[in-house]
């Protein structure tokens, strides 16, 4: 399975994801850097890839319009920093297997809390 990292997601998650068997596409330092959320969504869909982001717009502007996707993970914390985002993401990866991500948008809000849409 492939995961596309939005520009706002900590790069330090990459080795953790690769260790768990994921392919990772990071848009930073590529021609895709700075593209719109919709364009990133379309790119991920074309790769059959899930998106990891901290941008809540992926729920309101993308998922609610088109639920046909391999999955979206949004980490929205009160006091976000790389370490906290990675910690919540690892908890998510430990709880919810990738074969359940399709057509769902997961919003992590801290302390292991997870809202599921779709």
PDB file of N, CA and C in Angstrom:
ATOM      1  N   UNK A   1       0.843  -1.182   0.000  1.00  0.00           N
ATOM      2  CA  UNK A   1       0.000   0.000   0.000  1.00  0.00           C
ATOM      3  C   UNK A   1       0.884   1.241   0.000  1.00  0.00           C
ATOM      4  N   UNK A   2       0.390   2.270  -0.665  1.00  0.00           N
ATOM      5  CA  UNK A   2       1.119   3.524  -0.777  1.00  0.00           C
ATOM      6  C   UNK A   2       0.424   4.611   0.045  1.00  0.00           C
ATOM      7  N   UNK A   3       1.237   5.448   0.664  1.00  0.00           N
ATOM      8  CA  UNK A   3       0.734   6.591   1.418  1.00  0.00           C
ATOM      9  C   UNK A   3       1.370   7.855   0.843  1.00  0.00           C
ATOM     10  N   UNK A   4       0.533   8.839   0.555  1.00  0.00           N
ATOM     11  CA  UNK A   4       1.007  10.148   0.126  1.00  0.00           C
ATOM     12  C   UNK A   4       1.013  11.052   1.352  1.00  0.00           C
ATOM     13  N   UNK A   5       2.169  11.624   1.648  1.00  0.00           N
ATOM     14  CA  UNK A   5       2.286  12.567   2.761  1.00  0.00           C
ATOM     15  C   UNK A   5       2.063  13.970   2.254  1.00  0.00           C
ATOM     16  N   UNK A   6       1.082  14.657   2.827  1.00  0.00           N
ATOM     17  CA  UNK A   6       0.878  16.070   2.542  1.00  0.00           C
ATOM     18  C   UNK A   6       2.085  16.831   3.091  1.00  0.00           C
ATOM     19  N   UNK A   7       2.318  18.008   2.554  1.00  0.00           N
ATOM     20  CA  UNK A   7       3.471  18.824   2.967  1.00  0.00           C
ATOM     21  C   UNK A   7       3.498  19.115   4.457  1.00  0.00           C
ATOM     22  N   UNK A   8       2.331  19.133   5.080  1.00  0.00           N
ATOM     23  CA  UNK A   8       2.263  19.501   6.490  1.00  0.00           C
ATOM     24  C   UNK A   8       2.471  18.320   7.435  1.00  0.00           C
ATOM     25  N   UNK A   9       2.637  17.129   6.898  1.00  0.00           N
ATOM     26  CA  UNK A   9       2.794  15.943   7.744  1.00  0.00           C
ATOM     27  C   UNK A   9       4.278  15.723   8.012  1.00  0.00           C
ATOM     28  N   UNK A  10       4.639  15.374   9.254  1.00  0.00           N
ATOM     29  CA  UNK A  10       6.061  15.224   9.585  1.00  0.00           C
ATOM     30  C   UNK A  10       6.778  14.179   8.721  1.00  0.00           C
ATOM     31  N   UNK A  11       7.878  14.615   8.140  1.00  0.00           N
ATOM     32  CA  UNK A  11       8.710  13.729   7.317  1.00  0.00           C
ATOM     33  C   UNK A  11       9.249  12.553   8.132  1.00  0.00           C
ATOM     34  N   UNK A  12       9.411  12.776   9.423  1.00  0.00           N
ATOM     35  CA  UNK A  12      10.005  11.744  10.289  1.00  0.00           C
ATOM     36  C   UNK A  12       9.148  10.489  10.391  1.00  0.00           C
ATOM     37  N   UNK A  13       7.914  10.514   9.875  1.00  0.00           N
ATOM     38  CA  UNK A  13       7.069   9.317   9.883  1.00  0.00           C
ATOM     39  C   UNK A  13       7.515   8.328   8.800  1.00  0.00           C
ATOM     40  N   UNK A  14       8.246   8.802   7.806  1.00  0.00           N
ATOM     41  CA  UNK A  14       8.592   7.974   6.647  1.00  0.00           C
ATOM     42  C   UNK A  14       9.276   6.655   7.019  1.00  0.00           C
ATOM     43  N   UNK A  15      10.340   6.648   7.840  1.00  0.00           N
ATOM     44  CA  UNK A  15      10.970   5.360   8.157  1.00  0.00           C
ATOM     45  C   UNK A  15      10.037   4.405   8.916  1.00  0.00           C
ATOM     46  N   UNK A  16       9.151   4.953   9.723  1.00  0.00           N
ATOM     47  CA  UNK A  16       8.199   4.119  10.460  1.00  0.00           C
ATOM     48  C   UNK A  16       7.246   3.452   9.486  1.00  0.00           C
ATOM     49  N   UNK A  17       6.752   4.232   8.527  1.00  0.00           N
ATOM     50  CA  UNK A  17       5.832   3.679   7.529  1.00  0.00           C
ATOM     51  C   UNK A  17       6.523   2.639   6.659  1.00  0.00           C
ATOM     52  N   UNK A  18       7.740   2.933   6.237  1.00  0.00           N
ATOM     53  CA  UNK A  18       8.485   1.974   5.396  1.00  0.00           C
ATOM     54  C   UNK A  18       8.768   0.689   6.163  1.00  0.00           C
ATOM     55  N   UNK A  19       9.105   0.799   7.439  1.00  0.00           N
ATOM     56  CA  UNK A  19       9.341  -0.381   8.269  1.00  0.00           C
ATOM     57  C   UNK A  19       8.095  -1.262   8.337  1.00  0.00           C
ATOM     58  N   UNK A  20       6.931  -0.633   8.315  1.00  0.00           N
ATOM     59  CA  UNK A  20       5.657  -1.360   8.366  1.00  0.00           C
ATOM     60  C   UNK A  20       5.208  -1.838   6.986  1.00  0.00           C
ATOM     61  N   UNK A  21       6.028  -1.622   5.963  1.00  0.00           N
ATOM     62  CA  UNK A  21       5.750  -2.162   4.641  1.00  0.00           C
ATOM     63  C   UNK A  21       5.035  -1.235   3.675  1.00  0.00           C
ATOM     64  N   UNK A  22       4.886   0.027   4.030  1.00  0.00           N
ATOM     65  CA  UNK A  22       4.218   0.983   3.145  1.00  0.00           C
ATOM     66  C   UNK A  22       5.227   1.614   2.192  1.00  0.00           C
ATOM     67  N   UNK A  23       4.769   1.966   1.002  1.00  0.00           N
ATOM     68  CA  UNK A  23       5.519   2.848   0.112  1.00  0.00           C
ATOM     69  C   UNK A  23       5.075   4.257   0.460  1.00  0.00           C
ATOM     70  N   UNK A  24       6.009   5.190   0.418  1.00  0.00           N
ATOM     71  CA  UNK A  24       5.694   6.561   0.819  1.00  0.00           C
ATOM     72  C   UNK A  24       6.035   7.519  -0.312  1.00  0.00           C
ATOM     73  N   UNK A  25       5.071   8.382  -0.632  1.00  0.00           N
ATOM     74  CA  UNK A  25       5.278   9.460  -1.593  1.00  0.00           C
ATOM     75  C   UNK A  25       5.172  10.760  -0.808  1.00  0.00           C
ATOM     76  N   UNK A  26       6.264  11.504  -0.768  1.00  0.00           N
ATOM     77  CA  UNK A  26       6.301  12.784  -0.065  1.00  0.00           C
ATOM     78  C   UNK A  26       6.385  13.882  -1.119  1.00  0.00           C
ATOM     79  N   UNK A  27       5.396  14.765  -1.140  1.00  0.00           N
ATOM     80  CA  UNK A  27       5.335  15.782  -2.192  1.00  0.00           C
ATOM     81  C   UNK A  27       6.357  16.901  -2.013  1.00  0.00           C
ATOM     82  N   UNK A  28       6.963  16.982  -0.856  1.00  0.00           N
ATOM     83  CA  UNK A  28       7.972  18.027  -0.640  1.00  0.00           C
ATOM     84  C   UNK A  28       9.131  17.840  -1.610  1.00  0.00           C
ATOM     85  N   UNK A  29       9.633  18.935  -2.102  1.00  0.00           N
ATOM     86  CA  UNK A  29      10.780  18.960  -3.028  1.00  0.00           C
ATOM     87  C   UNK A  29      10.491  18.227  -4.338  1.00  0.00           C
ATOM     88  N   UNK A  30       9.217  18.187  -4.726  1.00  0.00           N
ATOM     89  CA  UNK A  30       8.840  17.627  -6.026  1.00  0.00           C
ATOM     90  C   UNK A  30       8.009  18.677  -6.764  1.00  0.00           C
ATOM     91  N   UNK A  31       7.663  18.380  -8.000  1.00  0.00           N
ATOM     92  CA  UNK A  31       6.800  19.290  -8.762  1.00  0.00           C
ATOM     93  C   UNK A  31       5.420  19.408  -8.131  1.00  0.00           C
ATOM     94  N   UNK A  32       5.040  18.440  -7.292  1.00  0.00           N
ATOM     95  CA  UNK A  32       3.713  18.460  -6.658  1.00  0.00           C
ATOM     96  C   UNK A  32       3.670  19.336  -5.411  1.00  0.00           C
ATOM     97  N   UNK A  33       4.816  19.818  -4.968  1.00  0.00           N
ATOM     98  CA  UNK A  33       4.827  20.667  -3.779  1.00  0.00           C
ATOM     99  C   UNK A  33       3.995  21.924  -4.039  1.00  0.00           C
ATOM    100  N   UNK A  34       3.087  22.229  -3.115  1.00  0.00           N
ATOM    101  CA  UNK A  34       2.268  23.418  -3.234  1.00  0.00           C
ATOM    102  C   UNK A  34       0.978  23.229  -4.024  1.00  0.00           C
ATOM    103  N   UNK A  35       0.710  22.014  -4.494  1.00  0.00           N
ATOM    104  CA  UNK A  35      -0.531  21.819  -5.243  1.00  0.00           C
ATOM    105  C   UNK A  35      -1.735  21.905  -4.307  1.00  0.00           C
ATOM    106  N   UNK A  36      -2.890  22.129  -4.876  1.00  0.00           N
ATOM    107  CA  UNK A  36      -4.112  22.263  -4.079  1.00  0.00           C
ATOM    108  C   UNK A  36      -4.491  20.931  -3.438  1.00  0.00           C
ATOM    109  N   UNK A  37      -5.353  20.998  -2.439  1.00  0.00           N
ATOM    110  CA  UNK A  37      -5.838  19.780  -1.790  1.00  0.00           C
ATOM    111  C   UNK A  37      -6.529  18.870  -2.801  1.00  0.00           C
ATOM    112  N   UNK A  38      -7.327  19.461  -3.676  1.00  0.00           N
ATOM    113  CA  UNK A  38      -8.033  18.676  -4.689  1.00  0.00           C
ATOM    114  C   UNK A  38      -7.047  17.970  -5.627  1.00  0.00           C
ATOM    115  N   UNK A  39      -6.006  18.678  -6.046  1.00  0.00           N
ATOM    116  CA  UNK A  39      -4.991  18.079  -6.922  1.00  0.00           C
ATOM    117  C   UNK A  39      -4.227  16.976  -6.190  1.00  0.00           C
ATOM    118  N   UNK A  40      -3.931  17.188  -4.909  1.00  0.00           N
ATOM    119  CA  UNK A  40      -3.247  16.153  -4.132  1.00  0.00           C
ATOM    120  C   UNK A  40      -4.137  14.920  -4.003  1.00  0.00           C
ATOM    121  N   UNK A  41      -5.420  15.153  -3.762  1.00  0.00           N
ATOM    122  CA  UNK A  41      -6.385  14.060  -3.679  1.00  0.00           C
ATOM    123  C   UNK A  41      -6.419  13.269  -4.990  1.00  0.00           C
ATOM    124  N   UNK A  42      -6.478  13.969  -6.110  1.00  0.00           N
ATOM    125  CA  UNK A  42      -6.519  13.305  -7.417  1.00  0.00           C
ATOM    126  C   UNK A  42      -5.219  12.534  -7.676  1.00  0.00           C
ATOM    127  N   UNK A  43      -4.091  13.111  -7.277  1.00  0.00           N
ATOM    128  CA  UNK A  43      -2.811  12.424  -7.438  1.00  0.00           C
ATOM    129  C   UNK A  43      -2.797  11.137  -6.617  1.00  0.00           C
ATOM    130  N   UNK A  44      -3.227  11.233  -5.362  1.00  0.00           N
ATOM    131  CA  UNK A  44      -3.247  10.043  -4.497  1.00  0.00           C
ATOM    132  C   UNK A  44      -4.178   8.984  -5.068  1.00  0.00           C
ATOM    133  N   UNK A  45      -5.331   9.413  -5.553  1.00  0.00           N
ATOM    134  CA  UNK A  45      -6.280   8.465  -6.150  1.00  0.00           C
ATOM    135  C   UNK A  45      -5.667   7.754  -7.347  1.00  0.00           C
ATOM    136  N   UNK A  46      -4.940   8.503  -8.172  1.00  0.00           N
ATOM    137  CA  UNK A  46      -4.318   7.897  -9.358  1.00  0.00           C
ATOM    138  C   UNK A  46      -3.250   6.882  -8.964  1.00  0.00           C
ATOM    139  N   UNK A  47      -2.656   7.053  -7.784  1.00  0.00           N
ATOM    140  CA  UNK A  47      -1.645   6.117  -7.274  1.00  0.00           C
ATOM    141  C   UNK A  47      -2.270   5.017  -6.421  1.00  0.00           C
ATOM    142  N   UNK A  48      -3.596   5.072  -6.237  1.00  0.00           N
ATOM    143  CA  UNK A  48      -4.311   4.180  -5.325  1.00  0.00           C
ATOM    144  C   UNK A  48      -3.683   4.259  -3.932  1.00  0.00           C
ATOM    145  N   UNK A  49      -3.437   5.504  -3.501  1.00  0.00           N
ATOM    146  CA  UNK A  49      -2.725   5.759  -2.252  1.00  0.00           C
ATOM    147  C   UNK A  49      -3.617   6.480  -1.247  1.00  0.00           C
ATOM    148  N   UNK A  50      -3.391   6.188   0.019  1.00  0.00           N
ATOM    149  CA  UNK A  50      -4.030   6.928   1.107  1.00  0.00           C
ATOM    150  C   UNK A  50      -3.275   8.234   1.312  1.00  0.00           C
ATOM    151  N   UNK A  51      -3.943   9.195   1.914  1.00  0.00           N
ATOM    152  CA  UNK A  51      -3.331  10.496   2.211  1.00  0.00           C
ATOM    153  C   UNK A  51      -3.213  10.660   3.717  1.00  0.00           C
ATOM    154  N   UNK A  52      -2.042  11.085   4.181  1.00  0.00           N
ATOM    155  CA  UNK A  52      -1.838  11.466   5.573  1.00  0.00           C
ATOM    156  C   UNK A  52      -1.610  12.974   5.590  1.00  0.00           C
ATOM    157  N   UNK A  53      -2.391  13.696   6.391  1.00  0.00           N
ATOM    158  CA  UNK A  53      -2.341  15.150   6.415  1.00  0.00           C
ATOM    159  C   UNK A  53      -2.722  15.670   7.795  1.00  0.00           C
ATOM    160  N   UNK A  54      -2.498  16.959   8.004  1.00  0.00           N
ATOM    161  CA  UNK A  54      -3.014  17.630   9.201  1.00  0.00           C
ATOM    162  C   UNK A  54      -4.057  18.673   8.798  1.00  0.00           C
ATOM    163  N   UNK A  55      -4.441  18.673   7.551  1.00  0.00           N
ATOM    164  CA  UNK A  55      -5.346  19.670   6.979  1.00  0.00           C
ATOM    165  C   UNK A  55      -6.801  19.196   7.044  1.00  0.00           C
ATOM    166  N   UNK A  56      -7.597  19.831   7.887  1.00  0.00           N
ATOM    167  CA  UNK A  56      -9.008  19.453   8.062  1.00  0.00           C
ATOM    168  C   UNK A  56      -9.834  19.643   6.793  1.00  0.00           C
ATOM    169  N   UNK A  57      -9.355  20.446   5.863  1.00  0.00           N
ATOM    170  CA  UNK A  57     -10.087  20.656   4.617  1.00  0.00           C
ATOM    171  C   UNK A  57     -10.279  19.351   3.848  1.00  0.00           C
ATOM    172  N   UNK A  58      -9.434  18.376   4.090  1.00  0.00           N
ATOM    173  CA  UNK A  58      -9.608  17.099   3.391  1.00  0.00           C
ATOM    174  C   UNK A  58     -10.906  16.412   3.796  1.00  0.00           C
ATOM    175  N   UNK A  59     -11.405  16.690   4.977  1.00  0.00           N
ATOM    176  CA  UNK A  59     -12.701  16.140   5.370  1.00  0.00           C
ATOM    177  C   UNK A  59     -13.827  16.929   4.723  1.00  0.00           C
ATOM    178  N   UNK A  60     -13.788  18.235   4.875  1.00  0.00           N
ATOM    179  CA  UNK A  60     -14.912  19.049   4.410  1.00  0.00           C
ATOM    180  C   UNK A  60     -14.909  19.278   2.907  1.00  0.00           C
ATOM    181  N   UNK A  61     -13.760  19.483   2.307  1.00  0.00           N
ATOM    182  CA  UNK A  61     -13.709  19.834   0.895  1.00  0.00           C
ATOM    183  C   UNK A  61     -13.455  18.652  -0.029  1.00  0.00           C
ATOM    184  N   UNK A  62     -12.939  17.561   0.505  1.00  0.00           N
ATOM    185  CA  UNK A  62     -12.577  16.442  -0.366  1.00  0.00           C
ATOM    186  C   UNK A  62     -13.406  15.199  -0.068  1.00  0.00           C
ATOM    187  N   UNK A  63     -13.306  14.661   1.136  1.00  0.00           N
ATOM    188  CA  UNK A  63     -13.975  13.398   1.455  1.00  0.00           C
ATOM    189  C   UNK A  63     -15.489  13.493   1.319  1.00  0.00           C
ATOM    190  N   UNK A  64     -16.082  14.564   1.781  1.00  0.00           N
ATOM    191  CA  UNK A  64     -17.549  14.664   1.734  1.00  0.00           C
ATOM    192  C   UNK A  64     -18.065  14.815   0.311  1.00  0.00           C
ATOM    193  N   UNK A  65     -17.207  15.240  -0.615  1.00  0.00           N
ATOM    194  CA  UNK A  65     -17.594  15.369  -2.022  1.00  0.00           C
ATOM    195  C   UNK A  65     -17.352  14.057  -2.766  1.00  0.00           C
ATOM    196  N   UNK A  66     -16.304  13.342  -2.400  1.00  0.00           N
ATOM    197  CA  UNK A  66     -15.934  12.127  -3.113  1.00  0.00           C
ATOM    198  C   UNK A  66     -15.415  11.092  -2.116  1.00  0.00           C
ATOM    199  N   UNK A  67     -16.240  10.128  -1.765  1.00  0.00           N
ATOM    200  CA  UNK A  67     -15.824   9.103  -0.801  1.00  0.00           C
ATOM    201  C   UNK A  67     -15.152   7.916  -1.473  1.00  0.00           C
ATOM    202  N   UNK A  68     -14.977   7.981  -2.777  1.00  0.00           N
ATOM    203  CA  UNK A  68     -14.304   6.902  -3.503  1.00  0.00           C
ATOM    204  C   UNK A  68     -12.798   7.153  -3.491  1.00  0.00           C
ATOM    205  N   UNK A  69     -12.139   6.676  -2.443  1.00  0.00           N
ATOM    206  CA  UNK A  69     -10.697   6.864  -2.297  1.00  0.00           C
ATOM    207  C   UNK A  69     -10.132   5.769  -1.386  1.00  0.00           C
ATOM    208  N   UNK A  70      -8.806   5.585  -1.400  1.00  0.00           N
ATOM    209  CA  UNK A  70      -8.178   4.547  -0.577  1.00  0.00           C
ATOM    210  C   UNK A  70      -8.029   4.892   0.899  1.00  0.00           C
ATOM    211  N   UNK A  71      -8.475   6.076   1.317  1.00  0.00           N
ATOM    212  CA  UNK A  71      -8.415   6.439   2.727  1.00  0.00           C
ATOM    213  C   UNK A  71      -7.691   7.752   2.961  1.00  0.00           C
ATOM    214  N   UNK A  72      -8.171   8.469   3.959  1.00  0.00           N
ATOM    215  CA  UNK A  72      -7.553   9.741   4.350  1.00  0.00           C
ATOM    216  C   UNK A  72      -7.381   9.724   5.870  1.00  0.00           C
ATOM    217  N   UNK A  73      -6.196  10.093   6.328  1.00  0.00           N
ATOM    218  CA  UNK A  73      -5.919  10.232   7.752  1.00  0.00           C
ATOM    219  C   UNK A  73      -5.603  11.697   8.013  1.00  0.00           C
ATOM    220  N   UNK A  74      -6.371  12.307   8.910  1.00  0.00           N
ATOM    221  CA  UNK A  74      -6.147  13.702   9.292  1.00  0.00           C
ATOM    222  C   UNK A  74      -5.818  13.730  10.781  1.00  0.00           C
ATOM    223  N   UNK A  75      -4.681  14.303  11.124  1.00  0.00           N
ATOM    224  CA  UNK A  75      -4.301  14.437  12.531  1.00  0.00           C
ATOM    225  C   UNK A  75      -4.477  15.900  12.911  1.00  0.00           C
ATOM    226  N   UNK A  76      -5.439  16.150  13.808  1.00  0.00           N
ATOM    227  CA  UNK A  76      -5.718  17.525  14.253  1.00  0.00           C
ATOM    228  C   UNK A  76      -5.597  17.556  15.772  1.00  0.00           C
ATOM    229  N   UNK A  77      -4.535  18.090  16.242  1.00  0.00           N
ATOM    230  CA  UNK A  77      -4.268  18.124  17.682  1.00  0.00           C
ATOM    231  C   UNK A  77      -4.341  19.558  18.186  1.00  0.00           C
ATOM    232  N   UNK A  78      -4.698  19.705  19.449  1.00  0.00           N
ATOM    233  CA  UNK A  78      -4.759  21.028  20.061  1.00  0.00           C
ATOM    234  C   UNK A  78      -3.417  21.731  20.042  1.00  0.00           C
ATOM    235  N   UNK A  79      -2.369  21.001  20.360  1.00  0.00           N
ATOM    236  CA  UNK A  79      -1.014  21.541  20.352  1.00  0.00           C
ATOM    237  C   UNK A  79      -0.139  20.630  19.501  1.00  0.00           C
ATOM    238  N   UNK A  80      -0.257  20.755  18.178  1.00  0.00           N
ATOM    239  CA  UNK A  80       0.468  19.830  17.304  1.00  0.00           C
ATOM    240  C   UNK A  80       1.967  20.111  17.255  1.00  0.00           C
ATOM    241  N   UNK A  81       2.715  19.046  17.234  1.00  0.00           N
ATOM    242  CA  UNK A  81       4.139  19.085  16.926  1.00  0.00           C
ATOM    243  C   UNK A  81       4.467  17.737  16.297  1.00  0.00           C
ATOM    244  N   UNK A  82       5.611  17.635  15.686  1.00  0.00           N
ATOM    245  CA  UNK A  82       5.961  16.408  14.964  1.00  0.00           C
ATOM    246  C   UNK A  82       5.848  15.163  15.825  1.00  0.00           C
ATOM    247  N   UNK A  83       6.380  15.241  17.026  1.00  0.00           N
ATOM    248  CA  UNK A  83       6.377  14.078  17.911  1.00  0.00           C
ATOM    249  C   UNK A  83       4.954  13.626  18.239  1.00  0.00           C
ATOM    250  N   UNK A  84       4.074  14.564  18.559  1.00  0.00           N
ATOM    251  CA  UNK A  84       2.688  14.225  18.905  1.00  0.00           C
ATOM    252  C   UNK A  84       1.934  13.670  17.701  1.00  0.00           C
ATOM    253  N   UNK A  85       2.168  14.247  16.532  1.00  0.00           N
ATOM    254  CA  UNK A  85       1.510  13.762  15.318  1.00  0.00           C
ATOM    255  C   UNK A  85       1.954  12.336  15.017  1.00  0.00           C
ATOM    256  N   UNK A  86       3.233  12.087  15.118  1.00  0.00           N
ATOM    257  CA  UNK A  86       3.748  10.740  14.856  1.00  0.00           C
ATOM    258  C   UNK A  86       3.196   9.754  15.888  1.00  0.00           C
ATOM    259  N   UNK A  87       3.173  10.136  17.149  1.00  0.00           N
ATOM    260  CA  UNK A  87       2.658   9.264  18.212  1.00  0.00           C
ATOM    261  C   UNK A  87       1.203   8.867  17.933  1.00  0.00           C
ATOM    262  N   UNK A  88       0.363   9.836  17.582  1.00  0.00           N
ATOM    263  CA  UNK A  88      -1.046   9.542  17.281  1.00  0.00           C
ATOM    264  C   UNK A  88      -1.171   8.672  16.031  1.00  0.00           C
ATOM    265  N   UNK A  89      -0.327   8.920  15.048  1.00  0.00           N
ATOM    266  CA  UNK A  89      -0.362   8.129  13.815  1.00  0.00           C
ATOM    267  C   UNK A  89       0.011   6.679  14.087  1.00  0.00           C
ATOM    268  N   UNK A  90       1.017   6.465  14.904  1.00  0.00           N
ATOM    269  CA  UNK A  90       1.426   5.095  15.242  1.00  0.00           C
ATOM    270  C   UNK A  90       0.302   4.378  15.992  1.00  0.00           C
ATOM    271  N   UNK A  91      -0.356   5.071  16.910  1.00  0.00           N
ATOM    272  CA  UNK A  91      -1.502   4.461  17.597  1.00  0.00           C
ATOM    273  C   UNK A  91      -2.567   4.042  16.589  1.00  0.00           C
ATOM    274  N   UNK A  92      -2.831   4.908  15.618  1.00  0.00           N
ATOM    275  CA  UNK A  92      -3.802   4.605  14.574  1.00  0.00           C
ATOM    276  C   UNK A  92      -3.373   3.365  13.784  1.00  0.00           C
ATOM    277  N   UNK A  93      -2.114   3.332  13.364  1.00  0.00           N
ATOM    278  CA  UNK A  93      -1.608   2.196  12.586  1.00  0.00           C
ATOM    279  C   UNK A  93      -1.699   0.895  13.372  1.00  0.00           C
ATOM    280  N   UNK A  94      -1.532   0.970  14.685  1.00  0.00           N
ATOM    281  CA  UNK A  94      -1.614  -0.224  15.531  1.00  0.00           C
ATOM    282  C   UNK A  94      -3.050  -0.720  15.693  1.00  0.00           C
ATOM    283  N   UNK A  95      -4.020   0.172  15.543  1.00  0.00           N
ATOM    284  CA  UNK A  95      -5.427  -0.184  15.787  1.00  0.00           C
ATOM    285  C   UNK A  95      -6.221  -0.530  14.536  1.00  0.00           C
ATOM    286  N   UNK A  96      -5.972   0.180  13.449  1.00  0.00           N
ATOM    287  CA  UNK A  96      -6.845   0.037  12.279  1.00  0.00           C
ATOM    288  C   UNK A  96      -6.013  -0.434  11.082  1.00  0.00           C
ATOM    289  N   UNK A  97      -6.282  -1.652  10.614  1.00  0.00           N
ATOM    290  CA  UNK A  97      -5.496  -2.196   9.501  1.00  0.00           C
ATOM    291  C   UNK A  97      -5.805  -1.479   8.181  1.00  0.00           C
ATOM    292  N   UNK A  98      -4.821  -1.376   7.302  1.00  0.00           N
ATOM    293  CA  UNK A  98      -4.987  -0.656   6.035  1.00  0.00           C
ATOM    294  C   UNK A  98      -6.137  -1.175   5.166  1.00  0.00           C
ATOM    295  N   UNK A  99      -6.478  -2.437   5.277  1.00  0.00           N
ATOM    296  CA  UNK A  99      -7.565  -2.957   4.441  1.00  0.00           C
ATOM    297  C   UNK A  99      -8.926  -2.396   4.856  1.00  0.00           C
ATOM    298  N   UNK A 100      -8.987  -1.657   5.960  1.00  0.00           N
ATOM    299  CA  UNK A 100     -10.228  -1.012   6.394  1.00  0.00           C
ATOM    300  C   UNK A 100     -10.276   0.484   6.044  1.00  0.00           C
ATOM    301  N   UNK A 101      -9.211   1.039   5.481  1.00  0.00           N
ATOM    302  CA  UNK A 101      -9.127   2.473   5.244  1.00  0.00           C
ATOM    303  C   UNK A 101      -9.967   2.953   4.062  1.00  0.00           C
ATOM    304  N   UNK A 102     -10.183   2.119   3.091  1.00  0.00           N
ATOM    305  CA  UNK A 102     -10.838   2.524   1.857  1.00  0.00           C
ATOM    306  C   UNK A 102     -12.197   3.178   2.119  1.00  0.00           C
ATOM    307  N   UNK A 103     -12.426   4.320   1.456  1.00  0.00           N
ATOM    308  CA  UNK A 103     -13.679   5.089   1.537  1.00  0.00           C
ATOM    309  C   UNK A 103     -13.902   5.747   2.899  1.00  0.00           C
ATOM    310  N   UNK A 104     -12.901   5.749   3.765  1.00  0.00           N
ATOM    311  CA  UNK A 104     -13.047   6.345   5.091  1.00  0.00           C
ATOM    312  C   UNK A 104     -12.084   7.517   5.270  1.00  0.00           C
ATOM    313  N   UNK A 105     -12.528   8.450   6.079  1.00  0.00           N
ATOM    314  CA  UNK A 105     -11.679   9.554   6.507  1.00  0.00           C
ATOM    315  C   UNK A 105     -11.576   9.449   8.023  1.00  0.00           C
ATOM    316  N   UNK A 106     -10.366   9.295   8.507  1.00  0.00           N
ATOM    317  CA  UNK A 106     -10.115   9.162   9.938  1.00  0.00           C
ATOM    318  C   UNK A 106      -9.551  10.483  10.449  1.00  0.00           C
ATOM    319  N   UNK A 107     -10.137  10.992  11.525  1.00  0.00           N
ATOM    320  CA  UNK A 107      -9.661  12.233  12.122  1.00  0.00           C
ATOM    321  C   UNK A 107      -9.183  11.921  13.534  1.00  0.00           C
ATOM    322  N   UNK A 108      -7.878  12.082  13.752  1.00  0.00           N
ATOM    323  CA  UNK A 108      -7.285  11.835  15.066  1.00  0.00           C
ATOM    324  C   UNK A 108      -7.219  13.163  15.813  1.00  0.00           C
ATOM    325  N   UNK A 109      -7.758  13.161  17.021  1.00  0.00           N
ATOM    326  CA  UNK A 109      -7.843  14.411  17.783  1.00  0.00           C
ATOM    327  C   UNK A 109      -7.008  14.408  19.060  1.00  0.00           C
ATOM    328  N   UNK A 110      -6.243  13.368  19.286  1.00  0.00           N
ATOM    329  CA  UNK A 110      -5.378  13.294  20.457  1.00  0.00           C
ATOM    330  C   UNK A 110      -5.820  12.255  21.460  1.00  0.00           C
ATOM    331  N   UNK A 111      -4.890  11.784  22.269  1.00  0.00           N
ATOM    332  CA  UNK A 111      -5.129  10.771  23.283  1.00  0.00           C
ATOM    333  C   UNK A 111      -5.746   9.494  22.709  1.00  0.00           C
ATOM    334  N   UNK A 112      -5.385   9.205  21.463  1.00  0.00           N
ATOM    335  CA  UNK A 112      -5.888   7.990  20.827  1.00  0.00           C
ATOM    336  C   UNK A 112      -7.299   8.095  20.278  1.00  0.00           C
ATOM    337  N   UNK A 113      -7.933   9.276  20.428  1.00  0.00           N
ATOM    338  CA  UNK A 113      -9.299   9.452  19.930  1.00  0.00           C
ATOM    339  C   UNK A 113      -9.304   9.490  18.411  1.00  0.00           C
ATOM    340  N   UNK A 114     -10.284   8.810  17.828  1.00  0.00           N
ATOM    341  CA  UNK A 114     -10.371   8.720  16.378  1.00  0.00           C
ATOM    342  C   UNK A 114     -11.842   8.797  15.950  1.00  0.00           C
ATOM    343  N   UNK A 115     -12.129   9.767  15.091  1.00  0.00           N
ATOM    344  CA  UNK A 115     -13.461   9.866  14.490  1.00  0.00           C
ATOM    345  C   UNK A 115     -13.371   9.282  13.083  1.00  0.00           C
ATOM    346  N   UNK A 116     -14.392   8.521  12.718  1.00  0.00           N
ATOM    347  CA  UNK A 116     -14.404   7.876  11.407  1.00  0.00           C
ATOM    348  C   UNK A 116     -15.575   8.416  10.596  1.00  0.00           C
ATOM    349  N   UNK A 117     -15.275   8.832   9.382  1.00  0.00           N
ATOM    350  CA  UNK A 117     -16.299   9.322   8.454  1.00  0.00           C
ATOM    351  C   UNK A 117     -16.269   8.444   7.209  1.00  0.00           C
ATOM    352  N   UNK A 118     -17.433   8.074   6.763  1.00  0.00           N
ATOM    353  CA  UNK A 118     -17.534   7.275   5.542  1.00  0.00           C
ATOM    354  C   UNK A 118     -17.972   5.882   5.789  1.00  0.00           C
TER     355      UNK A 118
END
